[in-house]
């Protein structure tokens, strides 16, 4: 794979993930009815909706800050792992595809920036 394809492909994945997490995080922070209902169904409390929203918005921004992309993507992989588990055990596995796709995208981003992490 040529370096330019790799570079622009990674940029495209960052843009997709950044926009998706920015939108989802802002919806959580704004108290969108669907987000409130989802966190009610999970049963962990609305405080966790705010924490998740802050992680998503903050990480979406950090995906574009040099030296911070691996940390941002790592946080988002963890967040999507939790979301996938919530879908499997509480919300219904038939609705977990977006969480899995975003988890894979952020895992690719994290792997691509693994050199930012201390050994």
Protein backbone atom coordinates (compact mmCIF):
# COMPACT_ATOMS: atom_id res chain seq x y z
CA UNK A 1 0.00 0.00 0.00
CA UNK A 2 1.41 3.37 -0.95
CA UNK A 3 2.21 5.88 1.79
CA UNK A 4 -0.27 8.43 0.41
CA UNK A 5 -3.12 5.91 0.45
CA UNK A 6 -2.24 4.99 4.02
CA UNK A 7 -1.98 8.66 5.06
CA UNK A 8 -5.26 9.78 3.48
CA UNK A 9 -7.08 6.59 4.44
CA UNK A 10 -6.13 7.18 8.08
CA UNK A 11 -7.23 10.81 7.79
CA UNK A 12 -10.58 9.67 6.39
CA UNK A 13 -11.03 7.25 9.31
CA UNK A 14 -10.21 10.04 11.78
CA UNK A 15 -12.75 12.35 10.14
CA UNK A 16 -15.46 9.67 10.19
CA UNK A 17 -14.75 8.77 13.82
CA UNK A 18 -14.34 12.40 14.87
CA UNK A 19 -17.68 13.46 13.40
CA UNK A 20 -19.51 10.40 14.72
CA UNK A 21 -18.18 10.79 18.26
CA UNK A 22 -18.63 14.55 18.29
CA UNK A 23 -22.28 14.16 17.26
CA UNK A 24 -22.95 11.30 19.70
CA UNK A 25 -21.15 13.03 22.57
CA UNK A 26 -22.96 16.32 22.04
CA UNK A 27 -26.29 14.47 21.91
CA UNK A 28 -25.48 12.83 25.24
CA UNK A 29 -24.44 16.14 26.82
CA UNK A 30 -27.50 17.92 25.44
CA UNK A 31 -29.80 15.29 26.93
CA UNK A 32 -31.33 14.01 23.69
CA UNK A 33 -34.36 11.88 24.52
CA UNK A 34 -32.90 8.78 22.87
CA UNK A 35 -29.68 9.08 24.89
CA UNK A 36 -31.52 9.60 28.16
CA UNK A 37 -33.71 6.56 27.44
CA UNK A 38 -30.68 4.44 26.50
CA UNK A 39 -28.83 5.20 29.72
CA UNK A 40 -32.05 4.65 31.70
CA UNK A 41 -32.33 1.20 30.10
CA UNK A 42 -28.71 0.38 30.92
CA UNK A 43 -29.40 1.32 34.52
CA UNK A 44 -26.13 3.01 35.47
CA UNK A 45 -27.58 6.48 35.93
CA UNK A 46 -27.56 9.69 33.94
CA UNK A 47 -24.20 10.75 35.39
CA UNK A 48 -22.65 8.05 33.19
CA UNK A 49 -24.26 9.64 30.12
CA UNK A 50 -22.40 12.86 30.93
CA UNK A 51 -19.10 11.04 31.51
CA UNK A 52 -19.49 9.16 28.22
CA UNK A 53 -20.39 12.37 26.38
CA UNK A 54 -17.33 14.16 27.75
CA UNK A 55 -15.08 11.25 26.76
CA UNK A 56 -16.56 11.15 23.25
CA UNK A 57 -16.34 14.89 22.60
CA UNK A 58 -12.89 15.23 24.14
CA UNK A 59 -11.51 12.22 22.30
CA UNK A 60 -13.04 13.36 19.00
CA UNK A 61 -11.05 16.57 19.33
CA UNK A 62 -7.87 14.81 20.47
CA UNK A 63 -7.93 12.59 17.37
CA UNK A 64 -6.55 15.62 15.51
CA UNK A 65 -3.96 16.77 18.07
CA UNK A 66 -0.46 15.50 17.19
CA UNK A 67 0.89 13.20 19.87
CA UNK A 68 -2.55 12.55 21.40
CA UNK A 69 -4.24 10.43 18.72
CA UNK A 70 -3.29 7.07 20.27
CA UNK A 71 -4.69 8.08 23.65
CA UNK A 72 -7.89 9.43 22.12
CA UNK A 73 -8.42 6.34 20.00
CA UNK A 74 -7.64 4.09 22.96
CA UNK A 75 -10.30 5.82 25.07
CA UNK A 76 -12.79 5.45 22.24
CA UNK A 77 -11.99 1.74 21.78
CA UNK A 78 -12.73 1.25 25.48
CA UNK A 79 -15.93 3.27 25.18
CA UNK A 80 -17.11 1.22 22.19
CA UNK A 81 -16.22 -2.02 23.96
CA UNK A 82 -18.48 -0.93 26.82
CA UNK A 83 -21.19 0.09 24.38
CA UNK A 84 -20.99 -3.28 22.61
CA UNK A 85 -21.27 -5.12 25.91
CA UNK A 86 -24.26 -2.98 26.90
CA UNK A 87 -25.91 -3.91 23.62
CA UNK A 88 -25.18 -7.62 24.05
CA UNK A 89 -26.37 -7.87 27.66
CA UNK A 90 -29.02 -5.15 28.01
CA UNK A 91 -30.11 -3.31 24.88
CA UNK A 92 -30.15 -6.10 22.32
CA UNK A 93 -27.35 -7.37 20.13
CA UNK A 94 -29.28 -6.51 16.97
CA UNK A 95 -28.48 -2.80 17.54
CA UNK A 96 -24.75 -3.10 18.26
CA UNK A 97 -23.34 -2.83 14.71
CA UNK A 98 -22.52 0.91 14.88
CA UNK A 99 -20.60 0.43 18.14
CA UNK A 100 -18.62 -2.43 16.66
CA UNK A 101 -17.82 -0.53 13.45
CA UNK A 102 -16.69 2.55 15.37
CA UNK A 103 -14.69 0.33 17.71
CA UNK A 104 -12.85 -1.22 14.75
CA UNK A 105 -12.21 2.20 13.18
CA UNK A 106 -10.78 3.58 16.41
CA UNK A 107 -8.70 0.44 16.94
CA UNK A 108 -7.15 0.99 13.50
CA UNK A 109 -6.42 4.61 14.43
CA UNK A 110 -4.89 3.56 17.77
CA UNK A 111 -2.73 0.93 16.08
CA UNK A 112 -1.58 3.43 13.46
CA UNK A 113 -0.42 5.82 16.18
CA UNK A 114 1.05 3.19 18.53
CA UNK A 115 4.44 4.91 18.32
CA UNK A 116 2.99 7.70 20.51
CA UNK A 117 2.66 5.34 23.46
CA UNK A 118 5.53 4.78 25.89
CA UNK A 119 7.14 1.37 25.66
